[in-house]
Every structure is written in structure tokens, then in C-alpha cells.
N, C-alpha and C. Protein backbone atom coordinates (compact mmCIF):
# COMPACT_ATOMS: atom_id res chain seq x y z
N MET A 1 -93.65 130.20 51.07
CA MET A 1 -92.46 130.97 51.16
C MET A 1 -91.33 130.25 50.53
N GLN A 2 -90.53 130.86 49.63
CA GLN A 2 -89.45 130.19 48.93
C GLN A 2 -88.27 130.01 49.84
N GLU A 3 -87.61 128.86 49.72
CA GLU A 3 -86.42 128.65 50.51
C GLU A 3 -85.26 129.43 50.03
N ASN A 4 -84.37 129.74 50.95
CA ASN A 4 -83.21 130.58 50.60
C ASN A 4 -82.25 129.72 49.72
N SER A 5 -82.10 130.16 48.43
CA SER A 5 -81.25 129.39 47.57
C SER A 5 -79.78 129.33 47.97
N LEU A 6 -79.36 130.45 48.67
CA LEU A 6 -77.96 130.49 49.17
C LEU A 6 -77.82 129.38 50.19
N GLN A 7 -78.82 129.19 51.10
CA GLN A 7 -78.70 128.13 52.06
C GLN A 7 -78.55 126.78 51.38
N ASP A 8 -79.42 126.60 50.35
CA ASP A 8 -79.42 125.27 49.63
C ASP A 8 -77.95 125.08 48.99
N LEU A 9 -77.45 126.09 48.39
CA LEU A 9 -76.17 126.02 47.80
C LEU A 9 -75.08 125.76 48.86
N TYR A 10 -75.17 126.50 49.93
CA TYR A 10 -74.19 126.23 51.10
C TYR A 10 -74.20 124.78 51.51
N VAL A 11 -75.38 124.21 51.69
CA VAL A 11 -75.46 122.84 52.14
C VAL A 11 -74.85 121.88 51.09
N GLU A 12 -75.13 122.11 49.75
CA GLU A 12 -74.49 121.30 48.75
C GLU A 12 -73.04 121.40 48.71
N GLN A 13 -72.54 122.65 48.84
CA GLN A 13 -71.08 122.82 48.87
C GLN A 13 -70.40 122.15 50.03
N LEU A 14 -71.08 122.22 51.16
CA LEU A 14 -70.57 121.48 52.36
C LEU A 14 -70.51 119.96 52.07
N ARG A 15 -71.58 119.50 51.44
CA ARG A 15 -71.61 118.00 51.19
C ARG A 15 -70.46 117.65 50.19
N ASP A 16 -70.15 118.54 49.19
CA ASP A 16 -69.12 118.37 48.29
C ASP A 16 -67.81 118.25 48.99
N LEU A 17 -67.59 119.21 49.94
CA LEU A 17 -66.32 119.19 50.79
C LEU A 17 -66.26 117.97 51.62
N TYR A 18 -67.35 117.48 52.17
CA TYR A 18 -67.40 116.25 53.03
C TYR A 18 -66.97 115.09 52.21
N SER A 19 -67.47 115.03 50.92
CA SER A 19 -67.01 113.89 50.05
C SER A 19 -65.52 114.07 49.70
N ALA A 20 -65.01 115.37 49.43
CA ALA A 20 -63.67 115.59 49.02
C ALA A 20 -62.76 115.20 50.21
N GLU A 21 -63.09 115.53 51.44
CA GLU A 21 -62.27 115.19 52.56
C GLU A 21 -62.22 113.72 52.83
N ASN A 22 -63.34 113.06 52.65
CA ASN A 22 -63.32 111.57 52.87
C ASN A 22 -62.54 110.86 51.76
N GLN A 23 -62.54 111.38 50.58
CA GLN A 23 -61.65 110.84 49.46
C GLN A 23 -60.15 111.00 49.90
N LEU A 24 -59.86 112.15 50.51
CA LEU A 24 -58.47 112.43 50.91
C LEU A 24 -58.04 111.52 52.02
N VAL A 25 -58.99 111.19 52.89
CA VAL A 25 -58.60 110.27 54.04
C VAL A 25 -58.13 108.99 53.42
N LYS A 26 -58.71 108.53 52.33
CA LYS A 26 -58.23 107.31 51.70
C LYS A 26 -56.99 107.53 50.81
N ALA A 27 -56.83 108.70 50.19
CA ALA A 27 -55.70 108.93 49.31
C ALA A 27 -54.40 109.23 49.97
N LEU A 28 -54.50 110.05 51.11
CA LEU A 28 -53.25 110.44 51.77
C LEU A 28 -52.25 109.31 52.17
N PRO A 29 -52.84 108.22 52.70
CA PRO A 29 -51.91 107.13 53.08
C PRO A 29 -51.16 106.61 51.92
N LYS A 30 -51.78 106.56 50.69
CA LYS A 30 -51.09 106.09 49.52
C LYS A 30 -49.97 107.02 49.13
N MET A 31 -50.24 108.37 49.25
CA MET A 31 -49.25 109.32 48.93
C MET A 31 -48.10 109.23 49.90
N ALA A 32 -48.41 109.06 51.20
CA ALA A 32 -47.34 108.95 52.21
C ALA A 32 -46.50 107.72 51.95
N LYS A 33 -47.16 106.61 51.59
CA LYS A 33 -46.37 105.38 51.35
C LYS A 33 -45.48 105.54 50.20
N ALA A 34 -45.93 106.29 49.12
CA ALA A 34 -45.13 106.46 47.89
C ALA A 34 -44.00 107.46 48.07
N ALA A 35 -44.07 108.37 49.06
CA ALA A 35 -43.10 109.38 49.18
C ALA A 35 -41.68 108.83 49.47
N GLN A 36 -40.72 109.32 48.82
CA GLN A 36 -39.30 108.88 49.05
C GLN A 36 -38.68 109.57 50.19
N SER A 37 -39.04 110.85 50.40
CA SER A 37 -38.46 111.71 51.48
C SER A 37 -39.26 111.45 52.71
N SER A 38 -38.51 111.14 53.81
CA SER A 38 -39.26 110.94 55.12
C SER A 38 -39.94 112.20 55.60
N THR A 39 -39.35 113.35 55.23
CA THR A 39 -40.03 114.58 55.63
C THR A 39 -41.34 114.80 54.88
N LEU A 40 -41.40 114.43 53.64
CA LEU A 40 -42.65 114.46 52.91
C LEU A 40 -43.66 113.49 53.35
N ARG A 41 -43.17 112.25 53.64
CA ARG A 41 -44.00 111.19 54.22
C ARG A 41 -44.72 111.72 55.54
N GLU A 42 -43.88 112.33 56.41
CA GLU A 42 -44.44 112.80 57.69
C GLU A 42 -45.39 113.96 57.46
N ALA A 43 -45.17 114.76 56.42
CA ALA A 43 -46.07 115.90 56.12
C ALA A 43 -47.41 115.33 55.68
N PHE A 44 -47.39 114.29 54.81
CA PHE A 44 -48.68 113.67 54.40
C PHE A 44 -49.40 113.05 55.59
N GLU A 45 -48.59 112.34 56.42
CA GLU A 45 -49.29 111.72 57.63
C GLU A 45 -49.85 112.80 58.56
N HIS A 46 -49.15 113.86 58.76
CA HIS A 46 -49.71 114.97 59.59
C HIS A 46 -50.99 115.51 58.97
N HIS A 47 -50.95 115.73 57.62
CA HIS A 47 -52.18 116.26 57.00
C HIS A 47 -53.32 115.28 56.99
N LEU A 48 -53.00 113.98 57.04
CA LEU A 48 -54.10 113.00 57.19
C LEU A 48 -54.82 113.16 58.49
N GLU A 49 -54.04 113.40 59.56
CA GLU A 49 -54.71 113.64 60.89
C GLU A 49 -55.51 114.95 60.76
N GLN A 50 -54.97 115.97 60.18
CA GLN A 50 -55.74 117.24 60.05
C GLN A 50 -57.05 116.97 59.23
N THR A 51 -56.90 116.16 58.20
CA THR A 51 -58.05 115.96 57.29
C THR A 51 -59.19 115.14 58.08
N ARG A 52 -58.82 114.25 58.96
CA ARG A 52 -59.73 113.57 59.82
C ARG A 52 -60.49 114.60 60.67
N GLY A 53 -59.76 115.58 61.11
CA GLY A 53 -60.29 116.63 61.88
C GLY A 53 -61.25 117.55 61.07
N HIS A 54 -60.92 117.71 59.83
CA HIS A 54 -61.81 118.54 58.94
C HIS A 54 -63.10 117.82 58.73
N VAL A 55 -63.08 116.44 58.56
CA VAL A 55 -64.30 115.69 58.45
C VAL A 55 -65.15 115.92 59.74
N ASP A 56 -64.51 115.81 60.91
CA ASP A 56 -65.23 116.01 62.15
C ASP A 56 -65.86 117.33 62.24
N ARG A 57 -65.14 118.45 61.86
CA ARG A 57 -65.76 119.74 61.83
C ARG A 57 -67.01 119.85 60.94
N LEU A 58 -66.79 119.22 59.70
CA LEU A 58 -68.01 119.29 58.88
C LEU A 58 -69.16 118.51 59.49
N GLU A 59 -68.94 117.41 60.03
CA GLU A 59 -70.05 116.72 60.74
C GLU A 59 -70.66 117.56 61.85
N GLN A 60 -69.92 118.38 62.55
CA GLN A 60 -70.47 119.14 63.59
C GLN A 60 -71.37 120.26 62.93
N ILE A 61 -70.97 120.73 61.79
CA ILE A 61 -71.82 121.77 61.17
C ILE A 61 -73.12 121.15 60.65
N PHE A 62 -73.00 119.90 60.04
CA PHE A 62 -74.20 119.22 59.57
C PHE A 62 -75.13 118.89 60.73
N THR A 63 -74.57 118.44 61.82
CA THR A 63 -75.44 118.16 63.08
C THR A 63 -76.12 119.42 63.51
N ALA A 64 -75.42 120.47 63.59
CA ALA A 64 -76.08 121.76 64.09
C ALA A 64 -77.18 122.22 63.14
N MET A 65 -77.08 121.87 61.78
CA MET A 65 -78.05 122.26 60.83
C MET A 65 -79.22 121.25 60.72
N ASP A 66 -79.03 120.07 61.40
CA ASP A 66 -79.88 118.93 61.25
C ASP A 66 -79.99 118.52 59.79
N GLU A 67 -78.89 118.45 59.12
CA GLU A 67 -78.78 117.98 57.76
C GLU A 67 -77.87 116.77 57.65
N SER A 68 -78.05 116.00 56.63
CA SER A 68 -77.17 114.84 56.31
C SER A 68 -75.99 115.29 55.51
N PRO A 69 -74.77 114.82 55.89
CA PRO A 69 -73.58 115.22 55.08
C PRO A 69 -73.48 114.45 53.81
N LYS A 70 -74.35 113.36 53.56
CA LYS A 70 -74.25 112.55 52.43
C LYS A 70 -74.76 113.20 51.17
N GLY A 71 -74.01 113.15 50.09
CA GLY A 71 -74.44 113.70 48.78
C GLY A 71 -73.68 113.04 47.72
N ARG A 72 -73.65 113.68 46.57
CA ARG A 72 -72.86 113.13 45.40
C ARG A 72 -71.36 113.10 45.71
N LYS A 73 -70.70 112.16 45.03
CA LYS A 73 -69.21 112.22 45.10
C LYS A 73 -68.64 113.45 44.49
N CYS A 74 -67.69 114.06 45.23
CA CYS A 74 -67.06 115.33 44.66
C CYS A 74 -66.24 114.93 43.45
N ALA A 75 -66.70 115.30 42.30
CA ALA A 75 -65.97 114.95 41.03
C ALA A 75 -64.64 115.70 40.94
N GLY A 76 -64.61 116.89 41.39
CA GLY A 76 -63.36 117.72 41.34
C GLY A 76 -62.25 116.96 42.15
N MET A 77 -62.53 116.54 43.36
CA MET A 77 -61.52 115.86 44.17
C MET A 77 -61.21 114.43 43.58
N GLU A 78 -62.23 113.80 43.02
CA GLU A 78 -61.97 112.54 42.38
C GLU A 78 -60.96 112.59 41.28
N GLY A 79 -61.10 113.72 40.53
CA GLY A 79 -60.13 113.97 39.40
C GLY A 79 -58.72 114.25 39.92
N LEU A 80 -58.64 115.07 41.00
CA LEU A 80 -57.34 115.42 41.59
C LEU A 80 -56.70 114.17 42.22
N VAL A 81 -57.42 113.27 42.89
CA VAL A 81 -56.91 112.14 43.45
C VAL A 81 -56.44 111.19 42.35
N GLU A 82 -57.17 111.03 41.25
CA GLU A 82 -56.74 110.22 40.09
C GLU A 82 -55.39 110.75 39.57
N GLU A 83 -55.26 112.07 39.42
CA GLU A 83 -54.00 112.60 38.93
C GLU A 83 -52.90 112.26 39.84
N GLY A 84 -53.13 112.31 41.18
CA GLY A 84 -52.07 111.93 42.05
C GLY A 84 -51.67 110.45 41.93
N GLU A 85 -52.65 109.60 41.71
CA GLU A 85 -52.34 108.15 41.52
C GLU A 85 -51.58 107.93 40.26
N GLU A 86 -51.90 108.77 39.19
CA GLU A 86 -51.08 108.68 37.98
C GLU A 86 -49.64 109.06 38.18
N VAL A 87 -49.44 110.12 38.99
CA VAL A 87 -48.04 110.53 39.35
C VAL A 87 -47.31 109.36 39.94
N ILE A 88 -47.96 108.70 40.92
CA ILE A 88 -47.29 107.56 41.59
C ILE A 88 -46.98 106.44 40.63
N LYS A 89 -47.88 106.16 39.78
CA LYS A 89 -47.58 105.08 38.72
C LYS A 89 -46.53 105.49 37.77
N GLU A 90 -46.56 106.68 37.25
CA GLU A 90 -45.75 107.12 36.14
C GLU A 90 -44.34 107.48 36.67
N GLN A 91 -44.21 107.97 37.89
CA GLN A 91 -42.96 108.50 38.44
C GLN A 91 -42.31 107.57 39.47
N SER A 92 -42.92 106.41 39.73
CA SER A 92 -42.53 105.50 40.84
C SER A 92 -41.05 105.24 40.98
N SER A 93 -40.34 105.15 39.80
CA SER A 93 -38.85 104.90 39.81
C SER A 93 -38.09 106.11 39.50
N SER A 94 -38.66 107.34 39.52
CA SER A 94 -38.08 108.52 39.12
C SER A 94 -37.65 109.34 40.33
N ASP A 95 -36.51 110.06 40.13
CA ASP A 95 -36.02 111.00 41.11
C ASP A 95 -37.00 112.13 41.37
N ALA A 96 -37.94 112.31 40.42
CA ALA A 96 -38.96 113.32 40.46
C ALA A 96 -40.29 112.96 41.10
N LEU A 97 -40.33 111.74 41.70
CA LEU A 97 -41.58 111.26 42.30
C LEU A 97 -42.07 112.29 43.41
N ASP A 98 -41.22 112.62 44.29
CA ASP A 98 -41.67 113.52 45.37
C ASP A 98 -42.13 114.87 44.83
N ALA A 99 -41.34 115.34 43.84
CA ALA A 99 -41.80 116.64 43.25
C ALA A 99 -43.22 116.58 42.64
N GLY A 100 -43.46 115.40 41.96
CA GLY A 100 -44.79 115.18 41.42
C GLY A 100 -45.85 115.10 42.49
N LEU A 101 -45.46 114.38 43.63
CA LEU A 101 -46.44 114.25 44.72
C LEU A 101 -46.77 115.60 45.31
N ILE A 102 -45.75 116.47 45.48
CA ILE A 102 -45.98 117.81 45.99
C ILE A 102 -46.86 118.55 45.04
N ALA A 103 -46.59 118.48 43.75
CA ALA A 103 -47.46 119.22 42.79
C ALA A 103 -48.83 118.76 42.90
N SER A 104 -49.08 117.46 42.99
CA SER A 104 -50.39 117.00 43.09
C SER A 104 -51.10 117.35 44.36
N ALA A 105 -50.34 117.31 45.46
CA ALA A 105 -50.94 117.74 46.79
C ALA A 105 -51.23 119.21 46.79
N GLN A 106 -50.43 120.04 46.14
CA GLN A 106 -50.79 121.47 46.11
C GLN A 106 -52.01 121.79 45.27
N ARG A 107 -52.23 121.02 44.22
CA ARG A 107 -53.49 121.24 43.46
C ARG A 107 -54.64 120.93 44.47
N VAL A 108 -54.60 119.90 45.18
CA VAL A 108 -55.66 119.51 46.19
C VAL A 108 -55.76 120.69 47.15
N GLU A 109 -54.73 121.15 47.68
CA GLU A 109 -54.82 122.25 48.75
C GLU A 109 -55.42 123.52 48.12
N HIS A 110 -55.11 123.87 46.92
CA HIS A 110 -55.70 125.04 46.29
C HIS A 110 -57.20 124.85 46.09
N TYR A 111 -57.54 123.66 45.69
CA TYR A 111 -58.97 123.30 45.48
C TYR A 111 -59.66 123.54 46.83
N GLU A 112 -59.09 122.93 47.92
CA GLU A 112 -59.79 123.08 49.14
C GLU A 112 -59.85 124.48 49.68
N ILE A 113 -58.69 125.23 49.49
CA ILE A 113 -58.68 126.66 49.93
C ILE A 113 -59.82 127.48 49.27
N ALA A 114 -60.02 127.26 48.03
CA ALA A 114 -61.09 127.94 47.29
C ALA A 114 -62.46 127.49 47.91
N ALA A 115 -62.65 126.25 48.10
CA ALA A 115 -63.91 125.66 48.59
C ALA A 115 -64.19 126.15 49.99
N TYR A 116 -63.26 126.06 50.80
CA TYR A 116 -63.52 126.51 52.25
C TYR A 116 -63.63 127.94 52.34
N GLY A 117 -62.97 128.73 51.56
CA GLY A 117 -63.18 130.19 51.58
C GLY A 117 -64.62 130.54 51.20
N THR A 118 -65.07 129.84 50.20
CA THR A 118 -66.48 130.04 49.77
C THR A 118 -67.49 129.64 50.77
N VAL A 119 -67.39 128.47 51.39
CA VAL A 119 -68.45 128.06 52.36
C VAL A 119 -68.32 128.94 53.59
N ARG A 120 -67.11 129.34 53.99
CA ARG A 120 -66.99 130.18 55.15
C ARG A 120 -67.74 131.53 54.90
N THR A 121 -67.64 132.08 53.68
CA THR A 121 -68.28 133.31 53.37
C THR A 121 -69.77 133.07 53.39
N PHE A 122 -70.22 132.03 52.82
CA PHE A 122 -71.71 131.67 52.83
C PHE A 122 -72.24 131.54 54.21
N ALA A 123 -71.47 130.87 55.13
CA ALA A 123 -71.82 130.66 56.54
C ALA A 123 -72.01 132.10 57.19
N GLY A 124 -71.03 133.00 56.89
CA GLY A 124 -71.16 134.36 57.48
C GLY A 124 -72.33 135.08 56.98
N LEU A 125 -72.65 135.00 55.64
CA LEU A 125 -73.84 135.71 55.07
C LEU A 125 -75.10 135.16 55.73
N LEU A 126 -75.09 133.84 56.06
CA LEU A 126 -76.26 133.14 56.58
C LEU A 126 -76.41 133.29 58.07
N GLY A 127 -75.38 133.96 58.69
CA GLY A 127 -75.45 134.20 60.10
C GLY A 127 -75.03 133.05 60.99
N ASP A 128 -74.31 132.05 60.49
CA ASP A 128 -73.87 130.91 61.28
C ASP A 128 -72.52 131.10 61.75
N GLU A 129 -72.28 131.84 62.85
CA GLU A 129 -70.93 132.22 63.27
C GLU A 129 -70.16 131.01 63.82
N GLU A 130 -70.86 130.02 64.28
CA GLU A 130 -70.17 128.80 64.82
C GLU A 130 -69.54 128.08 63.58
N ALA A 131 -70.24 127.95 62.51
CA ALA A 131 -69.71 127.34 61.30
C ALA A 131 -68.59 128.18 60.73
N VAL A 132 -68.74 129.55 60.77
CA VAL A 132 -67.72 130.43 60.24
C VAL A 132 -66.39 130.01 60.99
N ASN A 133 -66.45 129.93 62.34
CA ASN A 133 -65.28 129.69 63.10
C ASN A 133 -64.62 128.33 62.73
N LEU A 134 -65.51 127.23 62.64
CA LEU A 134 -65.00 125.86 62.31
C LEU A 134 -64.40 125.87 60.94
N LEU A 135 -65.03 126.53 59.93
CA LEU A 135 -64.56 126.55 58.58
C LEU A 135 -63.30 127.40 58.51
N GLN A 136 -63.18 128.44 59.24
CA GLN A 136 -61.97 129.29 59.23
C GLN A 136 -60.76 128.46 59.77
N GLN A 137 -60.97 127.70 60.83
CA GLN A 137 -59.94 126.77 61.36
C GLN A 137 -59.44 125.91 60.25
N THR A 138 -60.30 125.24 59.49
CA THR A 138 -59.93 124.34 58.48
C THR A 138 -59.23 125.13 57.32
N LEU A 139 -59.73 126.30 57.00
CA LEU A 139 -59.17 127.04 55.91
C LEU A 139 -57.66 127.48 56.30
N ASP A 140 -57.42 127.78 57.52
CA ASP A 140 -56.13 128.14 58.04
C ASP A 140 -55.22 126.93 57.92
N GLU A 141 -55.69 125.81 58.30
CA GLU A 141 -54.83 124.55 58.17
C GLU A 141 -54.57 124.19 56.80
N GLU A 142 -55.47 124.40 55.84
CA GLU A 142 -55.24 124.11 54.45
C GLU A 142 -54.17 125.14 53.92
N LYS A 143 -54.22 126.42 54.25
CA LYS A 143 -53.21 127.29 53.84
C LYS A 143 -51.83 127.01 54.40
N GLU A 144 -51.82 126.64 55.65
CA GLU A 144 -50.58 126.22 56.35
C GLU A 144 -49.93 124.99 55.63
N THR A 145 -50.73 124.05 55.28
CA THR A 145 -50.28 122.82 54.52
C THR A 145 -49.74 123.26 53.15
N ASP A 146 -50.36 124.10 52.51
CA ASP A 146 -49.92 124.60 51.21
C ASP A 146 -48.56 125.32 51.36
N GLU A 147 -48.37 126.10 52.39
CA GLU A 147 -47.12 126.77 52.65
C GLU A 147 -46.00 125.76 52.96
N LYS A 148 -46.34 124.74 53.73
CA LYS A 148 -45.30 123.71 54.04
C LYS A 148 -44.87 122.96 52.87
N LEU A 149 -45.84 122.66 51.97
CA LEU A 149 -45.47 121.94 50.74
C LEU A 149 -44.59 122.82 49.86
N THR A 150 -44.85 124.21 49.79
CA THR A 150 -44.06 125.06 49.01
C THR A 150 -42.66 125.01 49.59
N GLU A 151 -42.54 125.08 50.86
CA GLU A 151 -41.17 125.05 51.45
C GLU A 151 -40.53 123.73 51.23
N LEU A 152 -41.19 122.64 51.32
CA LEU A 152 -40.60 121.31 51.07
C LEU A 152 -40.15 121.16 49.59
N SER A 153 -40.98 121.80 48.73
CA SER A 153 -40.66 121.60 47.26
C SER A 153 -39.34 122.15 46.93
N LYS A 154 -38.80 123.14 47.70
CA LYS A 154 -37.46 123.79 47.38
C LYS A 154 -36.43 122.67 47.48
N SER A 155 -36.41 121.86 48.45
CA SER A 155 -35.34 120.85 48.56
C SER A 155 -35.67 119.67 47.67
N VAL A 156 -36.91 119.32 47.67
CA VAL A 156 -37.36 118.16 46.88
C VAL A 156 -37.06 118.36 45.37
N ASN A 157 -37.40 119.53 44.88
CA ASN A 157 -37.17 119.84 43.47
C ASN A 157 -35.69 119.90 43.17
N ALA A 158 -34.91 120.41 44.12
CA ALA A 158 -33.44 120.39 43.86
C ALA A 158 -32.88 119.07 43.85
N GLU A 159 -33.35 118.12 44.69
CA GLU A 159 -32.92 116.74 44.66
C GLU A 159 -33.35 116.09 43.33
N ALA A 160 -34.52 116.35 42.84
CA ALA A 160 -35.05 115.83 41.52
C ALA A 160 -34.13 116.33 40.41
N MET A 161 -33.65 117.56 40.44
CA MET A 161 -32.75 118.06 39.42
C MET A 161 -31.43 117.49 39.57
N SER A 162 -30.88 117.30 40.82
CA SER A 162 -29.57 116.69 40.94
C SER A 162 -29.60 115.21 40.53
N GLY A 163 -30.67 114.56 40.79
CA GLY A 163 -30.83 113.15 40.38
C GLY A 163 -30.90 113.05 38.80
N ALA A 164 -31.48 114.07 38.21
CA ALA A 164 -31.55 114.07 36.74
C ALA A 164 -30.25 114.59 36.11
N SER A 165 -29.25 115.10 36.92
CA SER A 165 -28.09 115.65 36.36
C SER A 165 -27.13 114.51 35.92
N GLY A 166 -27.58 113.31 36.12
CA GLY A 166 -26.76 112.15 35.62
C GLY A 166 -26.65 112.07 34.17
N ALA A 167 -27.37 112.99 33.45
CA ALA A 167 -27.42 112.97 31.99
C ALA A 167 -26.01 113.49 31.54
N LYS A 168 -25.73 113.25 30.29
CA LYS A 168 -24.44 113.60 29.75
C LYS A 168 -24.29 115.11 29.75
N ALA A 169 -23.09 115.57 29.93
CA ALA A 169 -22.82 117.03 29.99
C ALA A 169 -23.36 117.69 28.71
N GLY A 170 -24.02 118.75 28.97
CA GLY A 170 -24.64 119.51 27.84
C GLY A 170 -25.97 119.06 27.44
N GLU A 171 -26.47 117.90 27.91
CA GLU A 171 -27.82 117.53 27.58
C GLU A 171 -28.76 117.97 28.68
N GLU A 172 -29.95 118.34 28.23
CA GLU A 172 -30.99 118.72 29.13
C GLU A 172 -31.57 117.47 29.72
N PRO A 173 -31.74 117.41 31.08
CA PRO A 173 -32.42 116.23 31.70
C PRO A 173 -33.78 115.98 31.17
N GLU A 174 -34.15 114.72 31.09
CA GLU A 174 -35.41 114.36 30.58
C GLU A 174 -36.52 114.97 31.38
N GLY A 175 -37.48 115.68 30.76
CA GLY A 175 -38.58 116.35 31.37
C GLY A 175 -38.27 117.66 31.92
N ALA A 176 -37.08 118.21 31.59
CA ALA A 176 -36.68 119.53 32.22
C ALA A 176 -37.51 120.65 31.68
N GLU A 177 -38.01 120.51 30.52
CA GLU A 177 -38.76 121.69 29.99
C GLU A 177 -40.13 121.82 30.65
N GLU A 178 -40.58 120.82 31.45
CA GLU A 178 -41.75 120.97 32.26
C GLU A 178 -41.52 120.47 33.61
N PRO A 179 -40.83 121.22 34.43
CA PRO A 179 -40.51 120.75 35.84
C PRO A 179 -41.68 120.54 36.66
N GLU A 180 -41.67 119.65 37.57
CA GLU A 180 -42.82 119.28 38.44
C GLU A 180 -43.10 120.37 39.47
N SER A 181 -42.19 121.31 39.62
CA SER A 181 -42.32 122.40 40.65
C SER A 181 -43.61 123.15 40.44
N THR A 182 -44.19 123.53 41.58
CA THR A 182 -45.36 124.42 41.51
C THR A 182 -45.02 125.94 41.13
N HIS A 183 -43.66 126.21 41.19
CA HIS A 183 -43.20 127.52 40.87
C HIS A 183 -42.34 127.33 39.65
N ARG A 184 -42.87 127.34 38.49
CA ARG A 184 -42.12 127.05 37.35
C ARG A 184 -41.36 128.29 36.73
N ARG A 185 -40.20 128.03 36.31
CA ARG A 185 -39.42 129.03 35.57
C ARG A 185 -39.27 128.50 34.13
N ARG A 186 -39.78 129.18 33.18
CA ARG A 186 -39.77 128.74 31.84
C ARG A 186 -38.57 129.34 31.09
N ALA A 187 -37.72 128.41 30.53
CA ALA A 187 -36.59 128.88 29.68
C ALA A 187 -37.12 129.07 28.24
N PRO A 188 -36.60 130.03 27.60
CA PRO A 188 -37.04 130.08 26.19
C PRO A 188 -36.64 128.89 25.39
N LYS A 189 -37.63 128.42 24.55
CA LYS A 189 -37.35 127.17 23.78
C LYS A 189 -36.46 127.46 22.59
N THR A 190 -36.70 128.60 21.97
CA THR A 190 -35.85 128.93 20.77
C THR A 190 -35.40 130.40 20.86
N LYS A 191 -34.34 130.65 20.13
CA LYS A 191 -33.82 132.10 20.22
C LYS A 191 -34.74 132.90 19.25
N SER A 192 -34.91 134.12 19.61
CA SER A 192 -35.67 135.03 18.84
C SER A 192 -34.95 135.32 17.50
N ALA A 193 -35.66 135.61 16.44
CA ALA A 193 -35.06 135.97 15.19
C ALA A 193 -34.28 137.34 15.34
N ARG A 194 -34.64 138.09 16.30
CA ARG A 194 -34.01 139.38 16.47
C ARG A 194 -32.72 139.27 17.25
N ALA A 195 -32.45 138.17 17.94
CA ALA A 195 -31.22 138.01 18.68
C ALA A 195 -29.98 137.98 17.78
């Protein structure tokens, strides 16, 4: 009898998430340390505690399935973590550091929201209601974190803009054409020939 390929995919996706969450357990303290805003630092520290809980929930699911959580390193999260580290290096002395940290963190959250939504759906199709409940708890926390980051970005991005306003009157602040905000408003670069 052929094994259920959805079950195999489900286990592999869970292993990927397990790797991703463990990478975040290592990355979040660096992000918290780099944050200039105490509110952002506290948000990263709070999410670190949640992330440890996400690892615990995944371990519960693996134990119930009698499967090992060990697998390949999650390349997607590895890339997102590297991008976050680049932001810290490139923006360390910039007023936009926290804006960049939030942008990086939201990329991570969106990745996790997609991944947890997928495995929760797989768990439901496979009839594992206990896993559905555990994965939904984590999915809800990831969405809540993303919403908190969006709210924080409003003040952080404004501070980044006011810090950049030290430019001479009439000059656009450096990097203003590509703000670090997750909600970008693009200004037209040139006037239309019809204007």
C-alpha cells in the first residue's frame, strides 16, 4: 500500500517550520539588542518567548506522530534571517534602523503565517484535530505579532523620517525614495509629459 503523500509533505513542512523557529530563537535576541526603541526591543523579547512556545508545540505534534523533528535547515528562514542581519549591519548608525528591523521582522511573520496556515490545513485534512488546535494557536500569535509590528511601524517610521529631516530644506532625505515601511507610498519620480 502506498503511503499518503500529503502526510509525508505535512511532516516535511513541519520539520521546515521547526528549523525556522529554532533559527528565530537565535536571531530574535540579536534583533532585540539592535533595536533603538525600547518598545520594539520589548516586542522582540516577547516574541522570543512566544517562539520558544512555538517550538514546544511543534515538538508535541512530532511526539504524537512518533516522528523526529529533525530535517534540513529551512533555507527560506535562513535567507530572511540573513537579510535581518544585513539591516543591522547597514543601518546600525541610522535613524532608520528600527524601521528596517520591523520590515525584516514582518517578512518573517508573513513567511510563518503562510507556513502555519498550510500545515494547519494539512493537519485538518489528515484528521489530526489536536495538531490543528496547536497550529492555530501559533498562527494566531504570528498574526498578532504582525499586527503589533504594523502598529509600531507608524511611530518608528515617523521617527526615522524626522531624523532624516536634518537634510537641507528642499532636499529629499537619503533613501526617501524607498522607505523601510511595510506600507509604502510611492511618489512619482518624474512628471508626466502630459502635465
